[in-house]
Amino acid sequence: MPVLNRVVIQSISSLCAALLLAVPAQADEWGDEAGWSGFAELGAVWTTGNTESESINAKSRVRFEEEIWRHTLQLEALRRSEDSESTATRYVGGFKSDWKFRPRAYLFGAFRYERDRFSGYDYQASTSVGYGHRVIESNRTRLDMEAGVGYRQNRLEDGQRDDHAILRGALYLERRIGDNAYFGQDLLIQSNDNTEVESVTSLTANIIDQLAMRLSLTARHNSEVPEGREKTDTITAVSLVYNFW
């Protein structure tokens, strides 16, 4: 295993252990409300004149929560074009089920599919299973951490396949910073010969009722990429968010 992967894995393990030992239990029950929840998010920019361009960034999440199960479906789409020529096209779909077998502890199964026209891959798909723990549960802060194993399929644009077993680590943080605003941080790491890291940092403020505004920064990094491709992509977006429930 490459040195970079070992360092990443050791860092994740150390961070998980430190948080689990350092943070006292604050509640014995799950804070999520039972039933349905979800949102749709849309950000778009159009320019005309000497240069005509458009950028559309859309996301949606639907979740169903009950006493021992939680199911989450996430969809994402990004499209950018300049003078009628596409410069970015990306679609992501994911589904995850959590079995809450103990207070704060759960087992998960996850599937993720990604198609990015300009990444050098035709598609990337992964299936994983593992253990999750709600490290912090309070009125203002919620932190979940996960570790697991899985299998990833990569298909290059020339049709070649590159399939590997992977180690998976994830972190989901939500911190309320006021009555109508909260900070979010999602981190996903999938590691084998290629270590893939995706970080989504967001700040959301309610406007009225079920409508909110969100500022987000998404950073994606692959340690190994096809020739001629950049290792790191970033997306900065200002979006409107509508909460279904």
Protein backbone atom coordinates (compact mmCIF):
# COMPACT_ATOMS: atom_id res chain seq x y z
CA MET A 1 0.00 0.00 0.00
CA PRO A 2 1.44 3.45 -0.94
CA VAL A 3 2.80 5.61 1.87
CA LEU A 4 0.15 8.30 1.25
CA ASN A 5 -2.67 5.81 1.77
CA ARG A 6 -1.13 4.50 5.00
CA VAL A 7 -0.79 8.05 6.33
CA VAL A 8 -4.43 8.86 5.46
CA ILE A 9 -5.74 5.66 7.05
CA GLN A 10 -3.65 6.13 10.20
CA SER A 11 -4.83 9.73 10.49
CA ILE A 12 -8.49 8.74 10.20
CA SER A 13 -8.07 5.99 12.79
CA SER A 14 -6.29 8.32 15.22
CA LEU A 15 -8.93 11.03 14.81
CA CYS A 16 -11.79 8.58 15.38
CA ALA A 17 -10.15 7.13 18.47
CA ALA A 18 -9.38 10.55 19.91
CA LEU A 19 -12.92 11.82 19.45
CA LEU A 20 -14.50 8.67 20.83
CA LEU A 21 -12.36 8.88 23.95
CA ALA A 22 -12.42 12.63 24.47
CA VAL A 23 -16.08 13.50 23.95
CA PRO A 24 -18.45 12.62 26.82
CA ALA A 25 -21.86 11.18 26.10
CA GLN A 26 -24.50 13.93 26.02
CA ALA A 27 -27.65 11.94 25.21
CA ASP A 28 -28.80 8.37 24.91
CA GLU A 29 -31.38 8.89 22.15
CA TRP A 30 -31.14 9.82 18.52
CA GLY A 31 -31.95 13.45 17.81
CA ASP A 32 -33.39 12.96 14.31
CA GLU A 33 -37.15 13.23 14.04
CA ALA A 34 -39.00 10.14 12.85
CA GLY A 35 -40.66 10.24 9.44
CA TRP A 36 -39.72 11.98 6.22
CA SER A 37 -37.31 14.89 5.74
CA GLY A 38 -35.55 16.33 2.75
CA PHE A 39 -34.61 19.33 0.65
CA ALA A 40 -33.97 20.50 -2.90
CA GLU A 41 -31.14 22.94 -3.60
CA LEU A 42 -30.57 24.98 -6.76
CA GLY A 43 -27.91 27.49 -7.73
CA ALA A 44 -27.64 29.00 -11.21
CA VAL A 45 -25.66 31.77 -12.95
CA TRP A 46 -26.16 33.09 -16.49
CA THR A 47 -24.06 35.71 -18.28
CA THR A 48 -24.61 37.30 -21.70
CA GLY A 49 -22.72 39.76 -23.87
CA ASN A 50 -19.25 39.15 -25.25
CA THR A 51 -19.32 35.75 -23.55
CA GLU A 52 -22.43 33.68 -22.97
CA SER A 53 -22.19 31.19 -20.14
CA GLU A 54 -24.39 29.31 -17.71
CA SER A 55 -23.77 27.30 -14.58
CA ILE A 56 -26.36 25.13 -12.84
CA ASN A 57 -25.73 23.28 -9.58
CA ALA A 58 -28.58 21.16 -8.17
CA LYS A 59 -28.78 18.83 -5.16
CA SER A 60 -31.50 16.91 -3.39
CA ARG A 61 -31.70 14.70 -0.31
CA VAL A 62 -34.64 12.64 0.91
CA ARG A 63 -34.47 10.74 4.21
CA PHE A 64 -36.84 8.41 6.04
CA GLU A 65 -36.19 7.86 9.74
CA GLU A 66 -37.73 5.36 12.14
CA GLU A 67 -36.78 3.84 15.47
CA ILE A 68 -34.02 1.49 14.27
CA TRP A 69 -33.64 2.37 10.57
CA ARG A 70 -32.60 5.44 8.59
CA HIS A 71 -32.60 5.52 4.78
CA THR A 72 -31.06 8.39 2.78
CA LEU A 73 -31.15 9.10 -0.96
CA GLN A 74 -28.92 11.85 -2.38
CA LEU A 75 -28.75 13.21 -5.94
CA GLU A 76 -26.44 15.87 -7.39
CA ALA A 77 -26.03 17.47 -10.82
CA LEU A 78 -23.60 20.09 -12.10
CA ARG A 79 -23.49 21.63 -15.56
CA ARG A 80 -21.36 24.49 -16.85
CA SER A 81 -21.10 25.78 -20.41
CA GLU A 82 -19.45 28.71 -22.18
CA ASP A 83 -20.52 29.90 -25.63
CA SER A 84 -22.72 26.79 -25.95
CA GLU A 85 -19.79 24.47 -25.24
CA SER A 86 -19.86 22.28 -22.11
CA THR A 87 -16.99 22.82 -19.68
CA ALA A 88 -18.28 20.66 -16.81
CA THR A 89 -20.91 17.94 -16.51
CA ARG A 90 -21.19 15.83 -13.36
CA TYR A 91 -23.89 13.59 -11.90
CA VAL A 92 -23.79 11.83 -8.52
CA GLY A 93 -26.27 9.46 -6.93
CA GLY A 94 -26.05 7.76 -3.55
CA PHE A 95 -28.17 5.59 -1.29
CA LYS A 96 -27.39 4.66 2.32
CA SER A 97 -29.20 2.59 4.97
CA ASP A 98 -28.31 2.72 8.68
CA TRP A 99 -29.36 0.10 11.23
CA LYS A 100 -29.31 1.69 14.69
CA PHE A 101 -28.65 -1.38 16.80
CA ARG A 102 -27.58 0.55 19.92
CA PRO A 103 -27.97 4.10 21.22
CA ARG A 104 -25.56 6.20 19.15
CA ALA A 105 -24.18 3.17 17.23
CA TYR A 106 -25.24 1.88 13.82
CA LEU A 107 -24.18 -0.35 10.95
CA PHE A 108 -24.47 1.05 7.44
CA GLY A 109 -24.58 -0.07 3.84
CA ALA A 110 -23.90 2.53 1.13
CA PHE A 111 -23.86 2.76 -2.65
CA ARG A 112 -22.46 5.70 -4.67
CA TYR A 113 -22.37 6.29 -8.42
CA GLU A 114 -20.58 9.18 -10.10
CA ARG A 115 -20.35 10.20 -13.74
CA ASP A 116 -18.08 13.16 -14.53
CA ARG A 117 -17.56 13.88 -18.20
CA PHE A 118 -14.31 15.78 -17.68
CA SER A 119 -12.68 13.57 -15.03
CA GLY A 120 -11.16 11.03 -17.44
CA TYR A 121 -13.50 8.32 -16.11
CA ASP A 122 -16.64 7.07 -17.81
CA TYR A 123 -18.02 6.35 -14.34
CA GLN A 124 -16.99 5.52 -10.77
CA ALA A 125 -19.16 3.34 -8.53
CA SER A 126 -18.63 2.05 -5.01
CA THR A 127 -20.44 -0.20 -2.53
CA SER A 128 -19.43 -0.23 1.14
CA VAL A 129 -20.47 -1.47 4.59
CA GLY A 130 -19.25 -0.49 8.04
CA TYR A 131 -19.79 0.94 11.51
CA GLY A 132 -20.97 4.42 12.46
CA HIS A 133 -21.11 6.26 15.77
CA ARG A 134 -22.84 9.46 16.86
CA VAL A 135 -19.95 11.04 18.71
CA ILE A 136 -21.72 14.26 19.73
CA GLU A 137 -25.46 14.83 20.26
CA SER A 138 -26.62 18.12 21.76
CA ASN A 139 -29.11 20.88 21.07
CA ARG A 140 -26.59 22.69 18.85
CA THR A 141 -24.09 20.09 17.63
CA ARG A 142 -24.39 16.71 15.96
CA LEU A 143 -21.38 14.70 14.77
CA ASP A 144 -21.43 11.26 13.16
CA MET A 145 -18.29 9.34 12.19
CA GLU A 146 -18.06 6.18 10.08
CA ALA A 147 -15.46 3.60 9.09
CA GLY A 148 -15.88 0.66 6.75
CA VAL A 149 -14.72 -1.37 3.76
CA GLY A 150 -16.07 -1.76 0.27
CA TYR A 151 -15.42 -2.23 -3.41
CA ARG A 152 -15.02 0.43 -6.10
CA GLN A 153 -15.40 0.10 -9.86
CA ASN A 154 -13.69 2.64 -12.11
CA ARG A 155 -14.23 2.65 -15.85
CA LEU A 156 -11.94 4.85 -17.92
CA GLU A 157 -13.07 6.71 -21.03
CA ASP A 158 -11.19 4.21 -23.22
CA GLY A 159 -13.24 1.35 -21.75
CA GLN A 160 -10.59 -0.10 -19.40
CA ARG A 161 -11.68 -1.16 -15.92
CA ASP A 162 -9.84 -0.47 -12.68
CA ASP A 163 -11.58 -2.25 -9.76
CA HIS A 164 -10.29 -2.36 -6.17
CA ALA A 165 -11.28 -3.06 -2.59
CA ILE A 166 -11.38 0.18 -0.59
CA LEU A 167 -11.30 1.54 2.94
CA ARG A 168 -14.02 4.13 3.63
CA GLY A 169 -14.14 6.88 6.22
CA ALA A 170 -16.79 9.58 6.63
CA LEU A 171 -17.69 12.47 8.91
CA TYR A 172 -20.97 14.42 9.12
CA LEU A 173 -21.04 17.55 11.29
CA GLU A 174 -23.91 19.97 11.85
CA ARG A 175 -23.48 22.95 14.18
CA ARG A 176 -26.19 25.50 14.87
CA ILE A 177 -24.74 29.00 15.11
CA GLY A 178 -28.00 30.85 15.70
CA ASP A 179 -31.74 30.43 15.72
CA ASN A 180 -31.90 30.51 11.92
CA ALA A 181 -28.44 29.43 10.73
CA TYR A 182 -26.15 26.42 10.89
CA PHE A 183 -22.74 25.26 9.73
CA GLY A 184 -22.24 21.90 8.02
CA GLN A 185 -19.21 19.78 7.17
CA ASP A 186 -19.37 16.48 5.28
CA LEU A 187 -16.18 14.54 4.58
CA LEU A 188 -15.87 11.31 2.58
CA ILE A 189 -12.62 9.38 2.07
CA GLN A 190 -12.34 6.26 -0.11
CA SER A 191 -8.85 4.83 -0.29
CA ASN A 192 -6.96 2.19 -2.24
CA ASP A 193 -4.21 2.82 -4.82
CA ASN A 194 -6.15 6.03 -5.50
CA THR A 195 -7.27 8.00 -2.44
CA GLU A 196 -10.44 9.97 -3.16
CA VAL A 197 -11.39 12.77 -0.76
CA GLU A 198 -14.55 14.87 -1.00
CA SER A 199 -15.21 17.72 1.43
CA VAL A 200 -18.42 19.79 1.48
CA THR A 201 -18.43 22.84 3.77
CA SER A 202 -21.64 24.84 3.99
CA LEU A 203 -23.33 27.73 5.79
CA THR A 204 -27.13 27.80 5.66
CA ALA A 205 -29.47 30.60 6.79
CA ASN A 206 -33.26 30.42 6.82
CA ILE A 207 -35.07 33.13 4.87
CA ILE A 208 -38.77 32.42 5.40
CA ASP A 209 -40.66 29.30 6.41
CA GLN A 210 -39.19 26.40 4.38
CA LEU A 211 -36.88 28.53 2.20
CA ALA A 212 -33.18 29.06 2.99
CA MET A 213 -29.98 30.32 1.38
CA ARG A 214 -26.80 28.24 1.37
CA LEU A 215 -23.16 29.10 0.70
CA SER A 216 -21.05 26.01 0.06
CA LEU A 217 -17.55 24.97 -0.93
CA THR A 218 -17.02 21.49 -2.38
CA ALA A 219 -13.45 20.24 -2.79
CA ARG A 220 -12.63 16.91 -4.47
CA HIS A 221 -9.17 15.38 -4.64
CA ASN A 222 -7.86 12.18 -6.23
CA SER A 223 -4.28 11.12 -5.58
CA GLU A 224 -4.13 9.32 -8.94
CA VAL A 225 -5.87 10.67 -12.07
CA PRO A 226 -5.74 9.91 -15.82
CA GLU A 227 -3.04 11.76 -17.74
CA GLY A 228 -3.82 15.40 -18.41
CA ARG A 229 -6.34 15.74 -15.57
CA GLU A 230 -6.11 17.91 -12.45
CA LYS A 231 -6.04 16.14 -9.08
CA THR A 232 -8.22 18.70 -7.29
CA ASP A 233 -11.54 20.28 -8.26
CA THR A 234 -13.46 22.90 -6.27
CA ILE A 235 -17.01 24.21 -6.58
CA THR A 236 -18.16 27.36 -4.79
CA ALA A 237 -21.92 27.86 -4.88
CA VAL A 238 -24.64 30.16 -3.56
CA SER A 239 -27.98 28.34 -3.68
CA LEU A 240 -31.59 28.51 -2.63
CA VAL A 241 -32.77 25.56 -0.54
CA TYR A 242 -36.37 24.41 -0.17
CA ASN A 243 -37.18 22.04 2.69
CA PHE A 244 -39.95 19.63 1.76
CA TRP A 245 -41.02 18.86 5.35
